[in-house]
Amino acid sequence: ITLIVFVIFGGMTLYFHNPIFIKWKPTIVFWIFGFAFLGS
């Protein structure tokens, strides 16, 4: 999960040359984990 989000948001950071996308990566990973815990 971390790799997939890293590739997507890191890739957008590199492509658009804007660090905001990589800054979103931990949030997306944490929210995925949070909702996985909630779903369980």
PDB file of all heavy atoms in Angstrom:
ATOM      1  N   ILE A   1       0.840  -1.201   0.000  1.00  0.00           N
ATOM      2  CA  ILE A   1       0.000   0.000   0.000  1.00  0.00           C
ATOM      3  C   ILE A   1       0.871   1.245   0.000  1.00  0.00           C
ATOM      4  O   ILE A   1       0.649   2.181  -0.770  1.00  0.00           O
ATOM      5  CB  ILE A   1      -0.977   0.000   1.188  1.00  0.00           C
ATOM      6  CG1 ILE A   1      -2.046  -1.076   1.000  1.00  0.00           C
ATOM      7  CG2 ILE A   1      -1.622   1.375   1.387  1.00  0.00           C
ATOM      8  CD1 ILE A   1      -2.885  -1.346   2.225  1.00  0.00           C
ATOM      9  N   THR A   2       1.879   1.258   0.871  1.00  0.00           N
ATOM     10  CA  THR A   2       2.790   2.397   0.944  1.00  0.00           C
ATOM     11  C   THR A   2       3.495   2.608  -0.395  1.00  0.00           C
ATOM     12  O   THR A   2       3.619   3.747  -0.858  1.00  0.00           O
ATOM     13  CB  THR A   2       3.814   2.189   2.076  1.00  0.00           C
ATOM     14  OG1 THR A   2       3.106   2.046   3.315  1.00  0.00           O
ATOM     15  CG2 THR A   2       4.777   3.353   2.184  1.00  0.00           C
ATOM     16  N   LEU A   3       3.948   1.533  -1.024  1.00  0.00           N
ATOM     17  CA  LEU A   3       4.627   1.648  -2.318  1.00  0.00           C
ATOM     18  C   LEU A   3       3.699   2.218  -3.387  1.00  0.00           C
ATOM     19  O   LEU A   3       4.089   3.125  -4.126  1.00  0.00           O
ATOM     20  CB  LEU A   3       5.172   0.297  -2.769  1.00  0.00           C
ATOM     21  CG  LEU A   3       5.820   0.290  -4.162  1.00  0.00           C
ATOM     22  CD1 LEU A   3       7.018   1.237  -4.220  1.00  0.00           C
ATOM     23  CD2 LEU A   3       6.222  -1.135  -4.545  1.00  0.00           C
ATOM     24  N   ILE A   4       2.497   1.716  -3.450  1.00  0.00           N
ATOM     25  CA  ILE A   4       1.548   2.199  -4.460  1.00  0.00           C
ATOM     26  C   ILE A   4       1.294   3.695  -4.280  1.00  0.00           C
ATOM     27  O   ILE A   4       1.347   4.474  -5.241  1.00  0.00           O
ATOM     28  CB  ILE A   4       0.233   1.395  -4.418  1.00  0.00           C
ATOM     29  CG1 ILE A   4       0.474  -0.033  -4.909  1.00  0.00           C
ATOM     30  CG2 ILE A   4      -0.859   2.082  -5.245  1.00  0.00           C
ATOM     31  CD1 ILE A   4      -0.670  -0.994  -4.627  1.00  0.00           C
ATOM     32  N   VAL A   5       1.030   4.106  -3.044  1.00  0.00           N
ATOM     33  CA  VAL A   5       0.772   5.527  -2.781  1.00  0.00           C
ATOM     34  C   VAL A   5       2.026   6.349  -3.054  1.00  0.00           C
ATOM     35  O   VAL A   5       1.950   7.445  -3.614  1.00  0.00           O
ATOM     36  CB  VAL A   5       0.254   5.739  -1.334  1.00  0.00           C
ATOM     37  CG1 VAL A   5       0.121   7.208  -1.012  1.00  0.00           C
ATOM     38  CG2 VAL A   5      -1.081   5.018  -1.135  1.00  0.00           C
ATOM     39  N   PHE A   6       3.199   5.804  -2.698  1.00  0.00           N
ATOM     40  CA  PHE A   6       4.464   6.499  -2.930  1.00  0.00           C
ATOM     41  C   PHE A   6       4.700   6.701  -4.433  1.00  0.00           C
ATOM     42  O   PHE A   6       5.102   7.782  -4.869  1.00  0.00           O
ATOM     43  CB  PHE A   6       5.625   5.704  -2.326  1.00  0.00           C
ATOM     44  CG  PHE A   6       6.729   6.537  -1.750  1.00  0.00           C
ATOM     45  CD1 PHE A   6       7.474   6.055  -0.687  1.00  0.00           C
ATOM     46  CD2 PHE A   6       7.058   7.782  -2.250  1.00  0.00           C
ATOM     47  CE1 PHE A   6       8.507   6.799  -0.145  1.00  0.00           C
ATOM     48  CE2 PHE A   6       8.095   8.540  -1.715  1.00  0.00           C
ATOM     49  CZ  PHE A   6       8.814   8.043  -0.660  1.00  0.00           C
ATOM     50  N   VAL A   7       4.456   5.658  -5.212  1.00  0.00           N
ATOM     51  CA  VAL A   7       4.664   5.760  -6.660  1.00  0.00           C
ATOM     52  C   VAL A   7       3.705   6.797  -7.257  1.00  0.00           C
ATOM     53  O   VAL A   7       4.113   7.638  -8.073  1.00  0.00           O
ATOM     54  CB  VAL A   7       4.499   4.386  -7.342  1.00  0.00           C
ATOM     55  CG1 VAL A   7       4.397   4.519  -8.856  1.00  0.00           C
ATOM     56  CG2 VAL A   7       5.660   3.471  -6.966  1.00  0.00           C
ATOM     57  N   ILE A   8       2.451   6.766  -6.832  1.00  0.00           N
ATOM     58  CA  ILE A   8       1.469   7.710  -7.382  1.00  0.00           C
ATOM     59  C   ILE A   8       1.797   9.146  -6.973  1.00  0.00           C
ATOM     60  O   ILE A   8       1.955  10.030  -7.828  1.00  0.00           O
ATOM     61  CB  ILE A   8       0.036   7.327  -6.947  1.00  0.00           C
ATOM     62  CG1 ILE A   8      -0.379   6.006  -7.616  1.00  0.00           C
ATOM     63  CG2 ILE A   8      -0.955   8.446  -7.301  1.00  0.00           C
ATOM     64  CD1 ILE A   8      -1.651   5.404  -7.043  1.00  0.00           C
ATOM     65  N   PHE A   9       1.909   9.392  -5.679  1.00  0.00           N
ATOM     66  CA  PHE A   9       2.113  10.764  -5.214  1.00  0.00           C
ATOM     67  C   PHE A   9       3.555  11.242  -5.419  1.00  0.00           C
ATOM     68  O   PHE A   9       3.787  12.411  -5.723  1.00  0.00           O
ATOM     69  CB  PHE A   9       1.659  10.913  -3.759  1.00  0.00           C
ATOM     70  CG  PHE A   9       0.172  10.936  -3.640  1.00  0.00           C
ATOM     71  CD1 PHE A   9      -0.568   9.768  -3.611  1.00  0.00           C
ATOM     72  CD2 PHE A   9      -0.508  12.140  -3.598  1.00  0.00           C
ATOM     73  CE1 PHE A   9      -1.946   9.788  -3.536  1.00  0.00           C
ATOM     74  CE2 PHE A   9      -1.885  12.179  -3.520  1.00  0.00           C
ATOM     75  CZ  PHE A   9      -2.617  10.995  -3.491  1.00  0.00           C
ATOM     76  N   GLY A  10       4.509  10.330  -5.279  1.00  0.00           N
ATOM     77  CA  GLY A  10       5.891  10.685  -5.590  1.00  0.00           C
ATOM     78  C   GLY A  10       6.062  10.943  -7.073  1.00  0.00           C
ATOM     79  O   GLY A  10       6.755  11.874  -7.484  1.00  0.00           O
ATOM     80  N   GLY A  11       5.400  10.120  -7.882  1.00  0.00           N
ATOM     81  CA  GLY A  11       5.443  10.329  -9.327  1.00  0.00           C
ATOM     82  C   GLY A  11       4.857  11.677  -9.718  1.00  0.00           C
ATOM     83  O   GLY A  11       5.402  12.381 -10.577  1.00  0.00           O
ATOM     84  N   MET A  12       3.743  12.062  -9.069  1.00  0.00           N
ATOM     85  CA  MET A  12       3.157  13.375  -9.361  1.00  0.00           C
ATOM     86  C   MET A  12       4.083  14.503  -8.916  1.00  0.00           C
ATOM     87  O   MET A  12       4.191  15.527  -9.596  1.00  0.00           O
ATOM     88  CB  MET A  12       1.774  13.509  -8.708  1.00  0.00           C
ATOM     89  CG  MET A  12       0.725  12.651  -9.394  1.00  0.00           C
ATOM     90  SD  MET A  12      -0.993  12.983  -8.906  1.00  0.00           S
ATOM     91  CE  MET A  12      -0.976  12.859  -7.158  1.00  0.00           C
ATOM     92  N   THR A  13       4.762  14.312  -7.787  1.00  0.00           N
ATOM     93  CA  THR A  13       5.727  15.313  -7.322  1.00  0.00           C
ATOM     94  C   THR A  13       6.824  15.503  -8.357  1.00  0.00           C
ATOM     95  O   THR A  13       7.193  16.631  -8.683  1.00  0.00           O
ATOM     96  CB  THR A  13       6.336  14.897  -5.968  1.00  0.00           C
ATOM     97  OG1 THR A  13       5.326  15.013  -4.978  1.00  0.00           O
ATOM     98  CG2 THR A  13       7.532  15.752  -5.588  1.00  0.00           C
ATOM     99  N   LEU A  14       7.348  14.405  -8.869  1.00  0.00           N
ATOM    100  CA  LEU A  14       8.426  14.488  -9.856  1.00  0.00           C
ATOM    101  C   LEU A  14       7.925  15.025 -11.192  1.00  0.00           C
ATOM    102  O   LEU A  14       8.588  15.858 -11.815  1.00  0.00           O
ATOM    103  CB  LEU A  14       9.076  13.117 -10.032  1.00  0.00           C
ATOM    104  CG  LEU A  14       9.764  12.556  -8.777  1.00  0.00           C
ATOM    105  CD1 LEU A  14      10.199  11.121  -9.008  1.00  0.00           C
ATOM    106  CD2 LEU A  14      10.918  13.421  -8.341  1.00  0.00           C
ATOM    107  N   TYR A  15       6.773  14.583 -11.630  1.00  0.00           N
ATOM    108  CA  TYR A  15       6.243  15.002 -12.922  1.00  0.00           C
ATOM    109  C   TYR A  15       5.878  16.490 -12.937  1.00  0.00           C
ATOM    110  O   TYR A  15       6.227  17.223 -13.856  1.00  0.00           O
ATOM    111  CB  TYR A  15       5.024  14.149 -13.296  1.00  0.00           C
ATOM    112  CG  TYR A  15       4.445  14.502 -14.643  1.00  0.00           C
ATOM    113  CD1 TYR A  15       5.055  14.044 -15.812  1.00  0.00           C
ATOM    114  CD2 TYR A  15       3.323  15.303 -14.755  1.00  0.00           C
ATOM    115  CE1 TYR A  15       4.546  14.371 -17.058  1.00  0.00           C
ATOM    116  CE2 TYR A  15       2.797  15.635 -15.998  1.00  0.00           C
ATOM    117  CZ  TYR A  15       3.416  15.167 -17.149  1.00  0.00           C
ATOM    118  OH  TYR A  15       2.910  15.503 -18.381  1.00  0.00           O
ATOM    119  N   PHE A  16       5.150  16.918 -11.902  1.00  0.00           N
ATOM    120  CA  PHE A  16       4.699  18.311 -11.841  1.00  0.00           C
ATOM    121  C   PHE A  16       5.721  19.233 -11.169  1.00  0.00           C
ATOM    122  O   PHE A  16       5.524  20.433 -11.098  1.00  0.00           O
ATOM    123  CB  PHE A  16       3.354  18.421 -11.112  1.00  0.00           C
ATOM    124  CG  PHE A  16       2.224  17.776 -11.852  1.00  0.00           C
ATOM    125  CD1 PHE A  16       1.628  16.626 -11.365  1.00  0.00           C
ATOM    126  CD2 PHE A  16       1.760  18.311 -13.047  1.00  0.00           C
ATOM    127  CE1 PHE A  16       0.577  16.024 -12.043  1.00  0.00           C
ATOM    128  CE2 PHE A  16       0.710  17.714 -13.732  1.00  0.00           C
ATOM    129  CZ  PHE A  16       0.119  16.566 -13.231  1.00  0.00           C
ATOM    130  N   HIS A  17       6.787  18.622 -10.653  1.00  0.00           N
ATOM    131  CA  HIS A  17       7.833  19.361  -9.948  1.00  0.00           C
ATOM    132  C   HIS A  17       7.225  20.224  -8.827  1.00  0.00           C
ATOM    133  O   HIS A  17       7.507  21.416  -8.702  1.00  0.00           O
ATOM    134  CB  HIS A  17       8.655  20.217 -10.922  1.00  0.00           C
ATOM    135  CG  HIS A  17      10.068  20.393 -10.491  1.00  0.00           C
ATOM    136  ND1 HIS A  17      10.968  19.362 -10.489  1.00  0.00           N
ATOM    137  CD2 HIS A  17      10.732  21.481 -10.017  1.00  0.00           C
ATOM    138  CE1 HIS A  17      12.127  19.802 -10.057  1.00  0.00           C
ATOM    139  NE2 HIS A  17      12.017  21.077  -9.764  1.00  0.00           N
ATOM    140  N   ASN A  18       6.387  19.560  -8.019  1.00  0.00           N
ATOM    141  CA  ASN A  18       5.686  20.224  -6.925  1.00  0.00           C
ATOM    142  C   ASN A  18       5.679  19.292  -5.713  1.00  0.00           C
ATOM    143  O   ASN A  18       5.098  18.203  -5.761  1.00  0.00           O
ATOM    144  CB  ASN A  18       4.248  20.547  -7.360  1.00  0.00           C
ATOM    145  CG  ASN A  18       3.499  21.356  -6.332  1.00  0.00           C
ATOM    146  OD1 ASN A  18       3.890  21.442  -5.175  1.00  0.00           O
ATOM    147  ND2 ASN A  18       2.403  21.949  -6.763  1.00  0.00           N
ATOM    148  N   PRO A  19       6.317  19.703  -4.619  1.00  0.00           N
ATOM    149  CA  PRO A  19       6.436  18.824  -3.455  1.00  0.00           C
ATOM    150  C   PRO A  19       5.126  18.582  -2.694  1.00  0.00           C
ATOM    151  O   PRO A  19       5.080  17.705  -1.835  1.00  0.00           O
ATOM    152  CB  PRO A  19       7.451  19.540  -2.561  1.00  0.00           C
ATOM    153  CG  PRO A  19       7.420  20.959  -2.994  1.00  0.00           C
ATOM    154  CD  PRO A  19       7.044  20.953  -4.447  1.00  0.00           C
ATOM    155  N   ILE A  20       4.066  19.299  -2.994  1.00  0.00           N
ATOM    156  CA  ILE A  20       2.834  19.112  -2.231  1.00  0.00           C
ATOM    157  C   ILE A  20       2.294  17.688  -2.364  1.00  0.00           C
ATOM    158  O   ILE A  20       1.720  17.138  -1.425  1.00  0.00           O
ATOM    159  CB  ILE A  20       1.745  20.155  -2.602  1.00  0.00           C
ATOM    160  CG1 ILE A  20       0.655  20.186  -1.527  1.00  0.00           C
ATOM    161  CG2 ILE A  20       1.155  19.880  -3.972  1.00  0.00           C
ATOM    162  CD1 ILE A  20       1.140  20.577  -0.147  1.00  0.00           C
ATOM    163  N   PHE A  21       2.522  17.070  -3.508  1.00  0.00           N
ATOM    164  CA  PHE A  21       2.004  15.709  -3.711  1.00  0.00           C
ATOM    165  C   PHE A  21       2.681  14.704  -2.770  1.00  0.00           C
ATOM    166  O   PHE A  21       2.006  13.852  -2.199  1.00  0.00           O
ATOM    167  CB  PHE A  21       2.165  15.278  -5.171  1.00  0.00           C
ATOM    168  CG  PHE A  21       1.392  16.139  -6.119  1.00  0.00           C
ATOM    169  CD1 PHE A  21       2.049  17.037  -6.954  1.00  0.00           C
ATOM    170  CD2 PHE A  21       0.008  16.076  -6.177  1.00  0.00           C
ATOM    171  CE1 PHE A  21       1.338  17.835  -7.833  1.00  0.00           C
ATOM    172  CE2 PHE A  21      -0.714  16.877  -7.057  1.00  0.00           C
ATOM    173  CZ  PHE A  21      -0.051  17.774  -7.886  1.00  0.00           C
ATOM    174  N   ILE A  22       3.996  14.814  -2.614  1.00  0.00           N
ATOM    175  CA  ILE A  22       4.689  13.886  -1.723  1.00  0.00           C
ATOM    176  C   ILE A  22       4.307  14.154  -0.270  1.00  0.00           C
ATOM    177  O   ILE A  22       4.297  13.256   0.564  1.00  0.00           O
ATOM    178  CB  ILE A  22       6.226  13.910  -1.934  1.00  0.00           C
ATOM    179  CG1 ILE A  22       6.871  12.657  -1.349  1.00  0.00           C
ATOM    180  CG2 ILE A  22       6.869  15.145  -1.357  1.00  0.00           C
ATOM    181  CD1 ILE A  22       6.452  11.386  -2.007  1.00  0.00           C
ATOM    182  N   LYS A  23       3.960  15.397   0.026  1.00  0.00           N
ATOM    183  CA  LYS A  23       3.522  15.736   1.379  1.00  0.00           C
ATOM    184  C   LYS A  23       2.170  15.101   1.707  1.00  0.00           C
ATOM    185  O   LYS A  23       1.865  14.862   2.868  1.00  0.00           O
ATOM    186  CB  LYS A  23       3.449  17.258   1.550  1.00  0.00           C
ATOM    187  CG  LYS A  23       4.807  17.933   1.522  1.00  0.00           C
ATOM    188  CD  LYS A  23       4.656  19.442   1.647  1.00  0.00           C
ATOM    189  CE  LYS A  23       5.983  20.149   1.592  1.00  0.00           C
ATOM    190  NZ  LYS A  23       5.826  21.612   1.760  1.00  0.00           N
ATOM    191  N   TRP A  24       1.379  14.820   0.692  1.00  0.00           N
ATOM    192  CA  TRP A  24       0.093  14.151   0.888  1.00  0.00           C
ATOM    193  C   TRP A  24       0.254  12.652   1.131  1.00  0.00           C
ATOM    194  O   TRP A  24      -0.630  12.007   1.679  1.00  0.00           O
ATOM    195  CB  TRP A  24      -0.798  14.369  -0.340  1.00  0.00           C
ATOM    196  CG  TRP A  24      -1.695  15.551  -0.203  1.00  0.00           C
ATOM    197  CD1 TRP A  24      -1.394  16.853  -0.485  1.00  0.00           C
ATOM    198  CD2 TRP A  24      -3.044  15.552   0.260  1.00  0.00           C
ATOM    199  NE1 TRP A  24      -2.467  17.653  -0.240  1.00  0.00           N
ATOM    200  CE2 TRP A  24      -3.507  16.868   0.223  1.00  0.00           C
ATOM    201  CE3 TRP A  24      -3.909  14.556   0.696  1.00  0.00           C
ATOM    202  CZ2 TRP A  24      -4.790  17.221   0.624  1.00  0.00           C
ATOM    203  CZ3 TRP A  24      -5.193  14.903   1.081  1.00  0.00           C
ATOM    204  CH2 TRP A  24      -5.613  16.222   1.042  1.00  0.00           C
ATOM    205  N   LYS A  25       1.366  12.070   0.711  1.00  0.00           N
ATOM    206  CA  LYS A  25       1.550  10.618   0.781  1.00  0.00           C
ATOM    207  C   LYS A  25       1.334  10.041   2.172  1.00  0.00           C
ATOM    208  O   LYS A  25       0.559   9.087   2.322  1.00  0.00           O
ATOM    209  CB  LYS A  25       2.925  10.233   0.219  1.00  0.00           C
ATOM    210  CG  LYS A  25       3.153   8.743   0.184  1.00  0.00           C
ATOM    211  CD  LYS A  25       4.485   8.464   0.773  1.00  0.00           C
ATOM    212  CE  LYS A  25       4.645   7.348   1.628  1.00  0.00           C
ATOM    213  NZ  LYS A  25       5.358   7.253   2.762  1.00  0.00           N
ATOM    214  N   PRO A  26       1.954  10.579   3.238  1.00  0.00           N
ATOM    215  CA  PRO A  26       1.689   9.990   4.558  1.00  0.00           C
ATOM    216  C   PRO A  26       0.210  10.073   4.949  1.00  0.00           C
ATOM    217  O   PRO A  26      -0.330   9.132   5.526  1.00  0.00           O
ATOM    218  CB  PRO A  26       2.555  10.826   5.510  1.00  0.00           C
ATOM    219  CG  PRO A  26       3.595  11.443   4.652  1.00  0.00           C
ATOM    220  CD  PRO A  26       2.960  11.641   3.314  1.00  0.00           C
ATOM    221  N   THR A  27      -0.422  11.178   4.601  1.00  0.00           N
ATOM    222  CA  THR A  27      -1.834  11.332   4.939  1.00  0.00           C
ATOM    223  C   THR A  27      -2.671  10.254   4.266  1.00  0.00           C
ATOM    224  O   THR A  27      -3.515   9.617   4.915  1.00  0.00           O
ATOM    225  CB  THR A  27      -2.334  12.736   4.533  1.00  0.00           C
ATOM    226  OG1 THR A  27      -1.657  13.705   5.338  1.00  0.00           O
ATOM    227  CG2 THR A  27      -3.829  12.868   4.713  1.00  0.00           C
ATOM    228  N   ILE A  28      -2.453  10.041   2.990  1.00  0.00           N
ATOM    229  CA  ILE A  28      -3.216   9.023   2.267  1.00  0.00           C
ATOM    230  C   ILE A  28      -2.977   7.642   2.871  1.00  0.00           C
ATOM    231  O   ILE A  28      -3.924   6.876   3.106  1.00  0.00           O
ATOM    232  CB  ILE A  28      -2.868   9.030   0.751  1.00  0.00           C
ATOM    233  CG1 ILE A  28      -3.211  10.390   0.129  1.00  0.00           C
ATOM    234  CG2 ILE A  28      -3.550   7.892   0.023  1.00  0.00           C
ATOM    235  CD1 ILE A  28      -4.665  10.792   0.235  1.00  0.00           C
ATOM    236  N   VAL A  29      -1.721   7.308   3.146  1.00  0.00           N
ATOM    237  CA  VAL A  29      -1.401   6.005   3.746  1.00  0.00           C
ATOM    238  C   VAL A  29      -2.070   5.880   5.111  1.00  0.00           C
ATOM    239  O   VAL A  29      -2.714   4.861   5.409  1.00  0.00           O
ATOM    240  CB  VAL A  29       0.129   5.800   3.853  1.00  0.00           C
ATOM    241  CG1 VAL A  29       0.468   4.577   4.684  1.00  0.00           C
ATOM    242  CG2 VAL A  29       0.745   5.688   2.463  1.00  0.00           C
ATOM    243  N   PHE A  30      -1.961   6.905   5.952  1.00  0.00           N
ATOM    244  CA  PHE A  30      -2.575   6.840   7.285  1.00  0.00           C
ATOM    245  C   PHE A  30      -4.090   6.728   7.196  1.00  0.00           C
ATOM    246  O   PHE A  30      -4.712   5.990   7.957  1.00  0.00           O
ATOM    247  CB  PHE A  30      -2.185   8.046   8.141  1.00  0.00           C
ATOM    248  CG  PHE A  30      -0.738   8.060   8.531  1.00  0.00           C
ATOM    249  CD1 PHE A  30      -0.032   9.249   8.544  1.00  0.00           C
ATOM    250  CD2 PHE A  30      -0.077   6.904   8.896  1.00  0.00           C
ATOM    251  CE1 PHE A  30       1.310   9.276   8.905  1.00  0.00           C
ATOM    252  CE2 PHE A  30       1.259   6.910   9.250  1.00  0.00           C
ATOM    253  CZ  PHE A  30       1.956   8.103   9.254  1.00  0.00           C
ATOM    254  N   TRP A  31      -4.701   7.460   6.288  1.00  0.00           N
ATOM    255  CA  TRP A  31      -6.156   7.388   6.152  1.00  0.00           C
ATOM    256  C   TRP A  31      -6.596   6.019   5.622  1.00  0.00           C
ATOM    257  O   TRP A  31      -7.615   5.489   6.057  1.00  0.00           O
ATOM    258  CB  TRP A  31      -6.671   8.520   5.285  1.00  0.00           C
ATOM    259  CG  TRP A  31      -6.654   9.857   5.984  1.00  0.00           C
ATOM    260  CD1 TRP A  31      -6.349  10.110   7.296  1.00  0.00           C
ATOM    261  CD2 TRP A  31      -6.953  11.128   5.402  1.00  0.00           C
ATOM    262  NE1 TRP A  31      -6.433  11.454   7.562  1.00  0.00           N
ATOM    263  CE2 TRP A  31      -6.805  12.103   6.418  1.00  0.00           C
ATOM    264  CE3 TRP A  31      -7.316  11.531   4.133  1.00  0.00           C
ATOM    265  CZ2 TRP A  31      -7.020  13.452   6.203  1.00  0.00           C
ATOM    266  CZ3 TRP A  31      -7.540  12.882   3.909  1.00  0.00           C
ATOM    267  CH2 TRP A  31      -7.396  13.831   4.932  1.00  0.00           C
ATOM    268  N   ILE A  32      -5.833   5.428   4.717  1.00  0.00           N
ATOM    269  CA  ILE A  32      -6.148   4.067   4.259  1.00  0.00           C
ATOM    270  C   ILE A  32      -6.093   3.104   5.438  1.00  0.00           C
ATOM    271  O   ILE A  32      -7.004   2.295   5.648  1.00  0.00           O
ATOM    272  CB  ILE A  32      -5.191   3.623   3.124  1.00  0.00           C
ATOM    273  CG1 ILE A  32      -5.502   4.382   1.836  1.00  0.00           C
ATOM    274  CG2 ILE A  32      -5.286   2.109   2.885  1.00  0.00           C
ATOM    275  CD1 ILE A  32      -4.463   4.181   0.735  1.00  0.00           C
ATOM    276  N   PHE A  33      -5.018   3.196   6.231  1.00  0.00           N
ATOM    277  CA  PHE A  33      -4.893   2.325   7.405  1.00  0.00           C
ATOM    278  C   PHE A  33      -6.025   2.588   8.395  1.00  0.00           C
ATOM    279  O   PHE A  33      -6.621   1.654   8.939  1.00  0.00           O
ATOM    280  CB  PHE A  33      -3.541   2.505   8.091  1.00  0.00           C
ATOM    281  CG  PHE A  33      -2.358   1.997   7.291  1.00  0.00           C
ATOM    282  CD1 PHE A  33      -1.083   2.407   7.612  1.00  0.00           C
ATOM    283  CD2 PHE A  33      -2.515   1.136   6.221  1.00  0.00           C
ATOM    284  CE1 PHE A  33       0.019   1.956   6.888  1.00  0.00           C
ATOM    285  CE2 PHE A  33      -1.428   0.672   5.488  1.00  0.00           C
ATOM    286  CZ  PHE A  33      -0.155   1.084   5.831  1.00  0.00           C
ATOM    287  N   GLY A  34      -6.326   3.861   8.634  1.00  0.00           N
ATOM    288  CA  GLY A  34      -7.396   4.210   9.569  1.00  0.00           C
ATOM    289  C   GLY A  34      -8.733   3.625   9.161  1.00  0.00           C
ATOM    290  O   GLY A  34      -9.455   3.041   9.969  1.00  0.00           O
ATOM    291  N   PHE A  35      -9.063   3.760   7.876  1.00  0.00           N
ATOM    292  CA  PHE A  35     -10.340   3.225   7.400  1.00  0.00           C
ATOM    293  C   PHE A  35     -10.330   1.701   7.337  1.00  0.00           C
ATOM    294  O   PHE A  35     -11.373   1.063   7.495  1.00  0.00           O
ATOM    295  CB  PHE A  35     -10.739   3.871   6.077  1.00  0.00           C
ATOM    296  CG  PHE A  35     -11.197   5.289   6.264  1.00  0.00           C
ATOM    297  CD1 PHE A  35     -10.454   6.340   5.736  1.00  0.00           C
ATOM    298  CD2 PHE A  35     -12.329   5.589   7.000  1.00  0.00           C
ATOM    299  CE1 PHE A  35     -10.857   7.659   5.930  1.00  0.00           C
ATOM    300  CE2 PHE A  35     -12.740   6.902   7.208  1.00  0.00           C
ATOM    301  CZ  PHE A  35     -12.005   7.937   6.667  1.00  0.00           C
ATOM    302  N   ALA A  36      -9.151   1.095   7.147  1.00  0.00           N
ATOM    303  CA  ALA A  36      -9.056  -0.372   7.205  1.00  0.00           C
ATOM    304  C   ALA A  36      -9.325  -0.853   8.631  1.00  0.00           C
ATOM    305  O   ALA A  36     -10.057  -1.831   8.833  1.00  0.00           O
ATOM    306  CB  ALA A  36      -7.674  -0.831   6.741  1.00  0.00           C
ATOM    307  N   PHE A  37      -8.769  -0.153   9.619  1.00  0.00           N
ATOM    308  CA  PHE A  37      -9.042  -0.503  11.013  1.00  0.00           C
ATOM    309  C   PHE A  37     -10.519  -0.318  11.321  1.00  0.00           C
ATOM    310  O   PHE A  37     -11.140  -1.162  11.954  1.00  0.00           O
ATOM    311  CB  PHE A  37      -8.187   0.342  11.969  1.00  0.00           C
ATOM    312  CG  PHE A  37      -6.809  -0.204  12.196  1.00  0.00           C
ATOM    313  CD1 PHE A  37      -5.755   0.149  11.365  1.00  0.00           C
ATOM    314  CD2 PHE A  37      -6.547  -1.063  13.241  1.00  0.00           C
ATOM    315  CE1 PHE A  37      -4.481  -0.352  11.562  1.00  0.00           C
ATOM    316  CE2 PHE A  37      -5.281  -1.574  13.461  1.00  0.00           C
ATOM    317  CZ  PHE A  37      -4.240  -1.221  12.611  1.00  0.00           C
ATOM    318  N   LEU A  38     -11.081   0.781  10.863  1.00  0.00           N
ATOM    319  CA  LEU A  38     -12.503   1.043  11.100  1.00  0.00           C
ATOM    320  C   LEU A  38     -13.368  -0.039  10.456  1.00  0.00           C
ATOM    321  O   LEU A  38     -14.297  -0.556  11.092  1.00  0.00           O
ATOM    322  CB  LEU A  38     -12.888   2.418  10.553  1.00  0.00           C
ATOM    323  CG  LEU A  38     -14.348   2.828  10.746  1.00  0.00           C
ATOM    324  CD1 LEU A  38     -14.700   2.917  12.231  1.00  0.00           C
ATOM    325  CD2 LEU A  38     -14.611   4.160  10.051  1.00  0.00           C
ATOM    326  N   GLY A  39     -13.070  -0.396   9.230  1.00  0.00           N
ATOM    327  CA  GLY A  39     -13.837  -1.431   8.549  1.00  0.00           C
ATOM    328  C   GLY A  39     -13.795  -2.770   9.260  1.00  0.00           C
ATOM    329  O   GLY A  39     -14.783  -3.511   9.278  1.00  0.00           O
ATOM    330  N   SER A  40     -12.648  -3.062   9.884  1.00  0.00           N
ATOM    331  CA  SER A  40     -12.521  -4.349  10.583  1.00  0.00           C
ATOM    332  C   SER A  40     -13.372  -4.403  11.851  1.00  0.00           C
ATOM    333  O   SER A  40     -13.586  -5.474  12.402  1.00  0.00           O
ATOM    334  CB  SER A  40     -11.053  -4.653  10.902  1.00  0.00           C
ATOM    335  OG  SER A  40     -10.593  -3.897  12.000  1.00  0.00           O
TER     336      SER A  40
END
